[in-house]
Amino acid sequence: MASTPSSGDISEVKFLTVAEVATVMRVSKMTVYRLVHSGELPAVRVGRSFRVPEDAVNEYLRKSFFQTG
């Protein structure tokens, strides 16, 4: 899971929209929504939209990376 700043100050966390996460991961927005709804990618709901901590995206990508060959 994503780590929060050591001081515990949530204002230091950078949040990304679903569209921004999709761009970073080079996938569709629907794929990001699936990851959020399945719990694989933590997110905060703000009104009718979701915000994903940038650290959570980086952690997900790091855990998902694998070497071939």
C-alpha atoms as a PDB file:
ATOM      1  CA  MET A   1       0.000   0.000   0.000  1.00  0.00           C
ATOM      2  CA  ALA A   2       1.125   3.561  -0.515  1.00  0.00           C
ATOM      3  CA  SER A   3       3.103   5.249   2.190  1.00  0.00           C
ATOM      4  CA  THR A   4       2.057   8.569   3.617  1.00  0.00           C
ATOM      5  CA  PRO A   5       4.525  11.317   4.458  1.00  0.00           C
ATOM      6  CA  SER A   6       6.390  10.603   7.690  1.00  0.00           C
ATOM      7  CA  SER A   7       4.956  13.724   9.321  1.00  0.00           C
ATOM      8  CA  GLY A   8       1.436  12.380   8.733  1.00  0.00           C
ATOM      9  CA  ASP A   9       0.421  15.589   6.930  1.00  0.00           C
ATOM     10  CA  ILE A  10      -2.073  14.591   4.241  1.00  0.00           C
ATOM     11  CA  SER A  11      -1.674  18.004   2.557  1.00  0.00           C
ATOM     12  CA  GLU A  12       1.719  16.818   1.239  1.00  0.00           C
ATOM     13  CA  VAL A  13       0.133  13.940  -0.699  1.00  0.00           C
ATOM     14  CA  LYS A  14      -0.308  14.574  -4.428  1.00  0.00           C
ATOM     15  CA  PHE A  15      -3.555  13.174  -5.790  1.00  0.00           C
ATOM     16  CA  LEU A  16      -4.160  12.282  -9.438  1.00  0.00           C
ATOM     17  CA  THR A  17      -7.434  12.059 -11.317  1.00  0.00           C
ATOM     18  CA  VAL A  18      -8.445   8.826 -13.010  1.00  0.00           C
ATOM     19  CA  ALA A  19      -7.573  10.379 -16.382  1.00  0.00           C
ATOM     20  CA  GLU A  20      -4.096  11.360 -15.135  1.00  0.00           C
ATOM     21  CA  VAL A  21      -3.496   7.846 -13.758  1.00  0.00           C
ATOM     22  CA  ALA A  22      -4.610   6.365 -17.081  1.00  0.00           C
ATOM     23  CA  THR A  23      -2.130   8.604 -18.911  1.00  0.00           C
ATOM     24  CA  VAL A  24       0.751   7.688 -16.589  1.00  0.00           C
ATOM     25  CA  MET A  25      -0.013   3.969 -16.844  1.00  0.00           C
ATOM     26  CA  ARG A  26      -0.868   4.188 -20.576  1.00  0.00           C
ATOM     27  CA  VAL A  27      -4.167   2.360 -20.101  1.00  0.00           C
ATOM     28  CA  SER A  28      -7.806   3.340 -20.494  1.00  0.00           C
ATOM     29  CA  LYS A  29      -9.774   5.131 -17.788  1.00  0.00           C
ATOM     30  CA  MET A  30     -11.977   2.024 -17.504  1.00  0.00           C
ATOM     31  CA  THR A  31      -8.920  -0.031 -16.550  1.00  0.00           C
ATOM     32  CA  VAL A  32      -8.121   2.456 -13.772  1.00  0.00           C
ATOM     33  CA  TYR A  33     -11.734   2.312 -12.542  1.00  0.00           C
ATOM     34  CA  ARG A  34     -11.520  -1.493 -12.459  1.00  0.00           C
ATOM     35  CA  LEU A  35      -8.315  -1.335 -10.403  1.00  0.00           C
ATOM     36  CA  VAL A  36      -9.912   1.120  -7.977  1.00  0.00           C
ATOM     37  CA  HIS A  37     -13.151  -0.854  -7.572  1.00  0.00           C
ATOM     38  CA  SER A  38     -11.274  -4.140  -7.096  1.00  0.00           C
ATOM     39  CA  GLY A  39      -9.146  -2.591  -4.357  1.00  0.00           C
ATOM     40  CA  GLU A  40      -5.854  -3.090  -6.197  1.00  0.00           C
ATOM     41  CA  LEU A  41      -5.373   0.672  -6.416  1.00  0.00           C
ATOM     42  CA  PRO A  42      -6.374   2.737  -3.364  1.00  0.00           C
ATOM     43  CA  ALA A  43      -8.387   5.873  -4.039  1.00  0.00           C
ATOM     44  CA  VAL A  44     -10.371   8.575  -2.281  1.00  0.00           C
ATOM     45  CA  ARG A  45     -13.838   9.434  -3.477  1.00  0.00           C
ATOM     46  CA  VAL A  46     -14.462  13.161  -3.867  1.00  0.00           C
ATOM     47  CA  GLY A  47     -18.063  13.754  -4.787  1.00  0.00           C
ATOM     48  CA  ARG A  48     -18.695  11.543  -7.817  1.00  0.00           C
ATOM     49  CA  SER A  49     -15.055  11.255  -8.844  1.00  0.00           C
ATOM     50  CA  PHE A  50     -11.993   9.443  -7.533  1.00  0.00           C
ATOM     51  CA  ARG A  51      -8.551  10.720  -6.650  1.00  0.00           C
ATOM     52  CA  VAL A  52      -5.609   8.341  -6.454  1.00  0.00           C
ATOM     53  CA  PRO A  53      -2.483   9.144  -4.412  1.00  0.00           C
ATOM     54  CA  GLU A  54       0.530   9.426  -6.719  1.00  0.00           C
ATOM     55  CA  ASP A  55       2.550   7.199  -4.362  1.00  0.00           C
ATOM     56  CA  ALA A  56      -0.090   4.468  -4.730  1.00  0.00           C
ATOM     57  CA  VAL A  57       0.279   4.527  -8.519  1.00  0.00           C
ATOM     58  CA  ASN A  58       4.066   4.302  -8.263  1.00  0.00           C
ATOM     59  CA  GLU A  59       3.820   1.447  -5.742  1.00  0.00           C
ATOM     60  CA  TYR A  60       1.345  -0.465  -7.936  1.00  0.00           C
ATOM     61  CA  LEU A  61       3.593  -0.134 -10.971  1.00  0.00           C
ATOM     62  CA  ARG A  62       6.685  -1.165  -9.000  1.00  0.00           C
ATOM     63  CA  LYS A  63       4.943  -4.277  -7.642  1.00  0.00           C
ATOM     64  CA  SER A  64       3.544  -5.142 -11.077  1.00  0.00           C
ATOM     65  CA  PHE A  65       6.858  -4.897 -12.899  1.00  0.00           C
ATOM     66  CA  PHE A  66       8.588  -8.155 -13.789  1.00  0.00           C
ATOM     67  CA  GLN A  67      11.640  -9.199 -15.762  1.00  0.00           C
ATOM     68  CA  THR A  68      11.238 -11.363 -18.852  1.00  0.00           C
ATOM     69  CA  GLY A  69      13.724 -13.810 -20.244  1.00  0.00           C
END
